[in-house]
Amino acid sequence: MGVPMISSHNLPTAAALAAALLWCGGALADPLPVVHPAGSLGTVFNAHVAQQITVEVPDTIAFDVVDVSADTQATAPATVAVSAMALAPGGSLAISIVADAAQFTGPDGAPSWDAGDVSWVAATGTNFTGAAGTLAAGTPRETGRCAVGANVCTTTDLVFSLKANAAVRAGDHTLSARWKFEVLF
């Protein structure tokens, strides 16, 4: 049985050579010299990993105000969790929050709280160092940082407070805010 003809216009040269060797079952007495134009038959595998994180932040932080003349803590501590962190070497992650407006929206235009009436104490956590702060519109305020080299970072005891404000009226008062995650070196 003869060696099948392999046409160079149907297969690339290296593939044709490999197919011929397989067809012959390696029965060639002398190995064929293979010349690669770049001079090497090595292959480099390269995987690029972009900086990335997966985050969990609270949907809502609620205050059940029972006395407008006293400060009120949020109904539950906030959880902020960062996982699957792949940062550049030496990078740490700063976690901040920024109000979308200068003031809460009160019912029917009633007076409400300023964004700066919301504050928090320094929280603790896993690979997390908390920072106390006060909410502001347009200016991110840091709530804490993740440790350098950590692949997870979590706090479950971020406690927000709302200042007393005797001028507010009954009803729902709302303020939206956004979380910011920034890599620092």
Protein backbone atom coordinates (compact mmCIF):
# COMPACT_ATOMS: atom_id res chain seq x y z
CA MET A 1 0.00 0.00 0.00
CA GLY A 2 1.44 3.37 -1.00
CA VAL A 3 1.55 6.71 0.80
CA PRO A 4 -1.44 8.86 -0.16
CA MET A 5 -0.80 12.03 -2.05
CA ILE A 6 -1.32 15.17 -0.01
CA SER A 7 -1.87 18.29 -2.01
CA SER A 8 -0.24 21.45 -0.66
CA HIS A 9 -3.17 23.55 -1.78
CA ASN A 10 -5.53 21.59 0.52
CA LEU A 11 -3.47 21.61 3.72
CA PRO A 12 -0.75 23.86 5.16
CA THR A 13 2.78 22.43 4.87
CA ALA A 14 3.15 21.51 8.57
CA ALA A 15 -0.26 19.82 8.60
CA ALA A 16 0.62 17.88 5.42
CA LEU A 17 3.85 16.68 6.98
CA ALA A 18 2.05 15.62 10.19
CA ALA A 19 -0.64 13.80 8.20
CA ALA A 20 2.01 11.95 6.17
CA LEU A 21 3.85 10.88 9.32
CA LEU A 22 0.63 9.65 10.93
CA TRP A 23 -0.40 7.79 7.77
CA CYS A 24 2.89 5.99 7.72
CA GLY A 25 2.50 5.13 11.38
CA GLY A 26 5.92 6.51 12.14
CA ALA A 27 7.52 3.83 9.94
CA LEU A 28 10.02 6.21 8.39
CA ALA A 29 13.53 5.04 9.06
CA ASP A 30 15.03 8.51 9.31
CA PRO A 31 13.21 11.52 10.78
CA LEU A 32 12.52 14.21 8.26
CA PRO A 33 14.20 17.56 8.89
CA VAL A 34 11.66 20.27 9.60
CA VAL A 35 12.57 23.88 9.06
CA HIS A 36 10.43 26.65 10.49
CA PRO A 37 10.80 30.10 8.93
CA ALA A 38 11.32 31.74 12.35
CA GLY A 39 13.90 29.12 13.32
CA SER A 40 11.93 27.65 16.25
CA LEU A 41 9.19 25.10 16.68
CA GLY A 42 8.28 26.42 20.14
CA THR A 43 4.92 27.93 20.99
CA VAL A 44 4.21 30.54 23.64
CA PHE A 45 0.81 30.53 25.34
CA ASN A 46 -0.15 33.95 26.63
CA ALA A 47 -3.19 34.63 28.84
CA HIS A 48 -3.94 38.29 29.47
CA VAL A 49 -5.88 38.93 32.67
CA ALA A 50 -7.55 42.31 32.91
CA GLN A 51 -8.00 43.82 36.36
CA GLN A 52 -11.37 42.62 37.58
CA ILE A 53 -13.59 42.28 40.64
CA THR A 54 -17.02 40.97 41.53
CA VAL A 55 -18.94 43.15 43.98
CA GLU A 56 -21.95 42.92 46.25
CA VAL A 57 -23.43 46.13 47.65
CA PRO A 58 -26.73 46.79 49.44
CA ASP A 59 -29.76 47.64 47.29
CA THR A 60 -31.25 49.74 50.06
CA ILE A 61 -30.07 51.30 53.29
CA ALA A 62 -33.16 52.05 55.36
CA PHE A 63 -33.67 54.34 58.34
CA ASP A 64 -36.75 53.82 60.50
CA VAL A 65 -36.99 57.31 62.03
CA VAL A 66 -39.11 57.18 65.20
CA ASP A 67 -37.85 60.45 66.69
CA VAL A 68 -36.91 63.30 64.29
CA SER A 69 -35.02 65.05 67.12
CA ALA A 70 -32.54 62.16 67.51
CA ASP A 71 -29.95 60.58 65.20
CA THR A 72 -31.11 57.29 63.69
CA GLN A 73 -28.98 54.28 62.78
CA ALA A 74 -29.82 52.25 59.68
CA THR A 75 -32.11 49.30 60.33
CA ALA A 76 -29.23 46.89 59.57
CA PRO A 77 -25.48 47.14 59.01
CA ALA A 78 -24.52 47.16 55.35
CA THR A 79 -22.55 44.37 53.72
CA VAL A 80 -20.03 45.19 51.03
CA ALA A 81 -18.25 42.20 49.54
CA VAL A 82 -15.61 42.03 46.84
CA SER A 83 -14.56 38.67 45.43
CA ALA A 84 -12.65 37.29 42.45
CA MET A 85 -10.24 40.23 42.73
CA ALA A 86 -7.51 40.19 40.13
CA LEU A 87 -5.58 43.42 40.50
CA ALA A 88 -2.19 44.43 39.20
CA PRO A 89 0.67 43.58 41.60
CA GLY A 90 0.83 46.04 44.48
CA GLY A 91 -2.70 47.33 43.90
CA SER A 92 -5.29 47.79 46.60
CA LEU A 93 -8.96 48.63 46.23
CA ALA A 94 -10.57 51.77 47.66
CA ILE A 95 -14.33 51.53 48.19
CA SER A 96 -16.28 54.79 48.19
CA ILE A 97 -19.86 55.99 48.00
CA VAL A 98 -21.22 59.19 46.43
CA ALA A 99 -24.71 60.72 46.62
CA ASP A 100 -26.43 61.49 43.33
CA ALA A 101 -28.04 64.64 44.75
CA ALA A 102 -27.34 67.19 47.47
CA GLN A 103 -30.56 66.41 49.33
CA PHE A 104 -33.06 63.63 49.92
CA THR A 105 -36.34 64.03 48.04
CA GLY A 106 -39.13 64.48 50.57
CA PRO A 107 -42.83 63.72 50.07
CA ASP A 108 -44.57 66.43 48.02
CA GLY A 109 -41.50 68.68 48.16
CA ALA A 110 -41.42 68.68 51.97
CA PRO A 111 -38.11 69.60 53.66
CA SER A 112 -35.71 66.70 53.93
CA TRP A 113 -32.18 65.73 54.91
CA ASP A 114 -29.00 66.85 53.15
CA ALA A 115 -26.72 64.14 51.76
CA GLY A 116 -24.17 65.25 54.39
CA ASP A 117 -26.61 64.21 57.12
CA VAL A 118 -25.67 60.57 56.38
CA SER A 119 -22.49 59.30 58.01
CA TRP A 120 -20.83 55.98 58.88
CA VAL A 121 -18.30 54.66 61.35
CA ALA A 122 -15.15 52.75 60.37
CA ALA A 123 -16.18 49.15 59.78
CA THR A 124 -14.10 46.00 60.15
CA GLY A 125 -13.97 42.89 58.01
CA THR A 126 -11.91 40.35 56.14
CA ASN A 127 -8.99 41.99 54.30
CA PHE A 128 -10.85 45.28 54.86
CA THR A 129 -9.81 48.43 56.70
CA GLY A 130 -12.73 50.77 57.30
CA ALA A 131 -12.81 54.55 57.18
CA ALA A 132 -15.39 56.75 58.90
CA GLY A 133 -17.01 59.36 56.70
CA THR A 134 -19.89 61.55 55.64
CA LEU A 135 -21.86 61.25 52.42
CA ALA A 136 -21.52 64.04 49.84
CA ALA A 137 -23.05 64.83 46.47
CA GLY A 138 -20.65 64.54 43.55
CA THR A 139 -17.64 63.67 45.73
CA PRO A 140 -16.93 60.01 46.47
CA ARG A 141 -16.20 59.43 50.15
CA GLU A 142 -14.16 56.40 51.13
CA THR A 143 -15.77 53.73 53.30
CA GLY A 144 -12.70 51.48 53.38
CA ARG A 145 -9.90 49.69 51.55
CA CYS A 146 -9.12 46.13 50.64
CA ALA A 147 -5.70 44.77 51.57
CA VAL A 148 -2.94 44.64 48.94
CA GLY A 149 -2.79 41.18 47.37
CA ALA A 150 -6.17 40.03 48.70
CA ASN A 151 -8.50 38.14 46.38
CA VAL A 152 -11.54 38.73 48.62
CA CYS A 153 -12.52 41.67 50.81
CA THR A 154 -15.66 41.89 52.94
CA THR A 155 -17.32 43.96 55.61
CA THR A 156 -20.64 43.07 57.18
CA ASP A 157 -20.76 45.81 59.79
CA LEU A 158 -20.81 49.09 57.87
CA VAL A 159 -23.24 51.11 60.01
CA PHE A 160 -24.84 54.23 58.51
CA SER A 161 -26.50 56.95 60.60
CA LEU A 162 -28.91 59.77 59.75
CA LYS A 163 -28.72 63.07 61.69
CA ALA A 164 -31.66 64.42 63.61
CA ASN A 165 -33.83 66.84 61.64
CA ALA A 166 -36.94 68.21 63.33
CA ALA A 167 -38.00 70.03 60.12
CA VAL A 168 -38.86 66.86 58.16
CA ARG A 169 -42.43 65.63 57.65
CA ALA A 170 -43.84 62.13 57.73
CA GLY A 171 -43.49 60.06 54.57
CA ASP A 172 -40.79 58.50 52.44
CA HIS A 173 -37.60 60.47 51.85
CA THR A 174 -35.21 59.07 49.22
CA LEU A 175 -31.67 59.67 48.04
CA SER A 176 -29.82 57.50 45.55
CA ALA A 177 -26.10 56.91 45.77
CA ARG A 178 -23.50 54.99 43.79
CA TRP A 179 -20.57 52.89 44.97
CA LYS A 180 -17.13 53.47 43.46
CA PHE A 181 -14.32 50.89 43.38
CA GLU A 182 -10.89 52.29 42.53
CA VAL A 183 -7.55 50.52 42.23
CA LEU A 184 -4.76 52.37 44.05
CA PHE A 185 -1.00 51.87 43.90
